[in-house]
Protein backbone atom coordinates (compact mmCIF):
# COMPACT_ATOMS: atom_id res chain seq x y z
CA MET A 1 -0.04 -0.17 0.03
CA GLU A 2 1.50 3.33 -0.91
CA ILE A 3 2.20 5.98 1.71
CA LYS A 4 0.03 9.03 1.70
CA ILE A 5 2.41 11.51 1.65
CA GLU A 6 0.95 15.39 -0.28
CA ASP A 7 2.09 15.52 -3.64
CA GLU A 8 3.53 18.96 -2.99
CA LYS A 9 6.42 17.12 -0.63
CA TYR A 10 7.38 14.85 -3.82
CA ILE A 11 7.57 17.71 -5.59
CA TYR A 12 9.62 19.73 -3.12
CA LEU A 13 11.94 16.59 -2.59
CA TYR A 14 12.47 16.07 -6.37
CA SER A 15 13.32 19.96 -6.48
CA ARG A 16 15.55 19.72 -4.08
CA VAL A 17 17.56 17.03 -5.19
CA LYS A 18 17.93 18.37 -8.64
CA GLN A 19 19.16 21.46 -7.70
CA ASP A 20 21.67 19.85 -5.51
CA LEU A 21 22.77 17.97 -8.26
CA ILE A 22 22.72 20.94 -10.71
CA LYS A 23 25.10 23.07 -7.91
CA LYS A 24 27.65 19.91 -8.25
CA GLY A 25 28.25 20.34 -11.89
CA TYR A 26 25.70 18.01 -13.11
CA SER A 27 23.35 20.07 -15.19
CA ASN A 28 24.72 18.54 -18.45
CA GLU A 29 23.97 14.94 -17.54
CA ILE A 30 20.76 15.91 -16.54
CA GLU A 31 19.99 17.67 -20.11
CA TRP A 32 21.41 14.56 -21.68
CA VAL A 33 18.61 12.54 -20.38
CA SER A 34 16.05 14.68 -20.72
CA LYS A 35 17.05 15.03 -24.50
CA LEU A 36 17.52 11.66 -25.53
CA PRO A 37 15.87 10.51 -28.86
CA ASN A 38 12.63 9.01 -29.36
CA ILE A 39 13.00 5.08 -29.82
CA LYS A 40 11.94 5.47 -33.11
CA ASN A 41 14.93 7.58 -33.99
CA ILE A 42 17.60 5.46 -32.47
CA ASP A 43 20.33 4.79 -35.25
CA LYS A 44 22.63 1.88 -35.04
CA ILE A 45 25.67 3.36 -33.90
CA THR A 46 23.80 4.83 -30.95
CA PHE A 47 22.26 1.46 -30.29
CA PHE A 48 26.04 0.01 -30.08
CA ARG A 49 27.40 3.22 -28.15
CA GLU A 50 24.49 2.78 -25.47
CA TYR A 51 24.79 -0.97 -25.21
CA VAL A 52 28.72 -0.65 -24.68
CA TRP A 53 28.38 2.10 -21.79
CA VAL A 54 25.72 -0.11 -19.82
CA VAL A 55 27.89 -3.61 -20.40
CA ILE A 56 30.76 -1.51 -19.18
CA ASN A 57 28.87 -0.31 -16.18
CA SER A 58 27.56 -3.09 -14.90
CA GLY A 59 29.01 -4.27 -11.70
CA MET A 60 31.28 -1.28 -11.57
CA LYS A 61 31.28 2.31 -9.79
CA ASN A 62 30.11 4.82 -12.60
CA GLN A 63 33.14 7.19 -12.12
CA VAL A 64 35.31 4.20 -13.06
CA ALA A 65 33.04 2.95 -15.93
CA GLU A 66 33.46 6.54 -17.35
CA ARG A 67 36.75 6.09 -17.94
CA ILE A 68 37.04 2.92 -19.28
CA PHE A 69 34.20 3.91 -21.45
CA GLN A 70 36.32 7.27 -22.63
CA ASN A 71 39.32 5.00 -23.59
CA PHE A 72 37.18 2.41 -25.66
CA TRP A 73 34.93 5.55 -27.80
CA ILE A 74 37.72 6.71 -29.63
CA ASP A 75 34.94 8.13 -32.28
CA ASN A 76 31.99 6.47 -33.96
CA THR A 77 33.87 4.22 -36.13
CA HIS A 78 37.15 3.42 -33.65
CA PHE A 79 37.01 1.62 -30.68
CA ASN A 80 39.42 0.19 -28.44
CA PHE A 81 38.35 -3.04 -27.12
CA GLU A 82 41.61 -3.76 -25.39
CA SER A 83 40.76 -1.04 -23.04
CA VAL A 84 37.60 -3.59 -21.77
CA ARG A 85 39.60 -5.97 -19.61
CA HIS A 86 36.71 -7.82 -18.30
CA PRO A 87 36.75 -11.10 -20.40
CA HIS A 88 33.04 -11.31 -20.67
CA LYS A 89 32.34 -7.71 -21.06
CA ASN A 90 34.70 -7.59 -23.64
CA LYS A 91 33.90 -11.21 -25.56
CA SER A 92 30.11 -9.49 -25.15
CA ILE A 93 30.94 -6.43 -26.95
CA LYS A 94 33.04 -7.90 -29.65
CA GLN A 95 30.33 -10.32 -29.90
CA VAL A 96 27.71 -7.46 -30.57
CA TYR A 97 29.80 -5.32 -32.88
CA ASN A 98 30.70 -8.31 -35.16
CA ARG A 99 26.74 -8.73 -35.46
CA LEU A 100 25.37 -4.88 -35.27
CA ASP A 101 23.20 -5.10 -37.91
CA PHE A 102 21.81 -8.59 -37.12
CA TYR A 103 21.08 -7.28 -32.95
CA PHE A 104 20.20 -3.37 -34.21
CA ASN A 105 17.42 -5.20 -36.55
CA GLN A 106 16.28 -7.35 -34.61
CA PHE A 107 15.73 -4.71 -31.95
CA LEU A 108 13.51 -2.35 -34.56
CA GLN A 109 11.36 -5.34 -34.95
CA SER A 110 11.15 -6.82 -31.86
CA LYS A 111 7.62 -5.87 -30.23
CA ASN A 112 8.84 -6.78 -26.55
CA LYS A 113 11.84 -4.62 -26.85
CA LEU A 114 13.19 -5.25 -22.88
CA LYS A 115 12.29 -8.93 -23.42
CA PHE A 116 14.74 -8.52 -26.60
CA LEU A 117 17.69 -6.30 -24.85
CA GLU A 118 17.81 -8.93 -21.83
CA SER A 119 18.89 -11.37 -24.40
CA LEU A 120 21.87 -9.63 -25.09
CA PRO A 121 25.42 -10.93 -24.15
CA HIS A 122 25.45 -9.53 -20.55
CA ILE A 123 22.45 -7.66 -20.36
CA ALA A 124 20.35 -9.05 -17.44
CA LYS A 125 16.93 -8.28 -15.29
CA ILE A 126 18.06 -5.17 -13.95
CA THR A 127 20.13 -3.88 -16.77
CA LYS A 128 17.97 -3.73 -19.65
CA TYR A 129 16.10 -1.34 -17.93
CA HIS A 130 19.21 0.80 -17.77
CA LEU A 131 19.75 0.16 -21.64
CA ALA A 132 15.89 0.55 -22.42
CA ARG A 133 16.13 3.80 -20.87
CA ASN A 134 19.62 4.95 -22.67
CA LEU A 135 17.66 3.96 -26.21
CA GLY A 136 14.80 6.17 -25.17
CA LEU A 137 12.04 4.03 -23.59
CA GLU A 138 9.77 5.38 -20.90
CA VAL A 139 11.36 3.09 -18.12
CA ALA A 140 13.79 3.53 -15.04
CA LYS A 141 16.36 1.10 -13.98
CA PRO A 142 15.22 -0.78 -10.77
CA ASP A 143 18.96 -0.30 -9.23
CA ARG A 144 19.73 -0.97 -5.39
CA HIS A 145 19.77 2.97 -4.92
CA LEU A 146 16.54 3.63 -6.96
CA VAL A 147 14.59 0.46 -4.71
CA ARG A 148 15.62 1.69 -1.48
CA ILE A 149 14.41 5.41 -2.21
CA ALA A 150 11.06 3.81 -3.80
CA GLU A 151 11.06 1.54 -0.75
CA TYR A 152 11.10 4.71 1.88
CA PHE A 153 8.11 6.02 0.21
CA ASN A 154 6.38 2.25 0.36
CA TYR A 155 6.63 1.40 -3.22
CA ASN A 156 7.77 -1.78 -3.85
CA ASP A 157 7.84 -0.89 -7.72
CA VAL A 158 10.56 1.20 -8.88
CA GLN A 159 8.44 2.16 -12.47
CA LYS A 160 5.70 2.95 -10.40
CA PHE A 161 7.41 5.34 -7.77
CA CYS A 162 9.17 7.09 -10.94
CA LYS A 163 6.12 7.48 -13.06
CA LYS A 164 4.33 9.08 -9.93
CA ILE A 165 7.17 11.87 -9.80
CA SER A 166 7.27 12.27 -13.72
CA ILE A 167 3.48 12.69 -13.29
CA LEU A 168 3.96 15.19 -10.93
CA VAL A 169 7.15 17.36 -12.00
CA HIS A 170 6.38 16.69 -15.57
CA GLU A 171 9.41 15.56 -16.86
CA LYS A 172 10.58 12.13 -18.51
CA ILE A 173 10.78 8.92 -16.09
CA GLY A 174 14.32 8.42 -17.28
CA VAL A 175 15.33 11.83 -16.06
CA VAL A 176 13.58 11.16 -12.43
CA ASP A 177 15.25 8.05 -12.66
CA LEU A 178 18.88 9.69 -13.41
CA ILE A 179 18.09 12.97 -10.25
CA PHE A 180 17.54 10.11 -7.95
CA TRP A 181 20.41 7.63 -8.72
CA ARG A 182 22.86 10.24 -9.34
CA PHE A 183 21.89 12.16 -6.00
CA ALA A 184 21.93 8.69 -4.27
CA ASN A 185 25.55 8.02 -6.19
CA LEU A 186 27.15 10.64 -4.81
CA THR A 187 25.35 10.83 -1.09
CA GLU A 188 26.34 8.26 1.21
CA ASN A 189 23.87 8.91 3.44
CA TYR A 190 21.04 9.70 1.11
CA LEU A 191 18.32 8.10 2.74
CA GLU A 192 19.17 10.29 6.29
CA VAL A 193 19.30 13.48 3.88
CA ILE A 194 15.74 12.54 2.01
CA ASN A 195 13.94 12.02 5.43
CA ASN A 196 15.25 15.21 6.81
CA TRP A 197 14.69 17.20 3.36
CA MET A 198 11.00 15.40 3.73
CA ASN A 199 10.34 16.30 7.49
CA ARG A 200 11.55 20.00 6.71
CA GLY A 201 9.70 20.70 3.37
């Protein structure tokens, strides 16, 4: 059962978290997610780039993954496969690259895109949402941070929690996802901070 908290408090919390991130220099990241293309406009290179990004990020601290990705993605036609030292990640990325036309066409034709994305090498039940969000689907990634924040508000479904906030603040579900995830990523005691802000808001 969802907790009955006034909508104004949700809006206040979201606004405060977003402003906190902007002050810390993450406005470009927020803008990038807000401008992610519609899934109908995804091209093959974008598909591959977002796939590689999610694979590199899986099970790794985001700040470390960013450095590895920067070393991997030289430009849209040149890639440093040796920079990905994790054997299975490296093998998976090469597999998708070598059959990129096939995988991309399958993605375009699939009726259940979430199910298809989970079938890709090194993409699992949670990371499929990360990839889906970056490819333009209106979903949130239910990682441990988002799960804990949703549970704080008595939501057992991250998708429902992010959709609730999305409707209230008139922003994409993916943006709501990013705002709360990045805040949690940067803030060690984020639930305590959120609790304080909610009680003072």
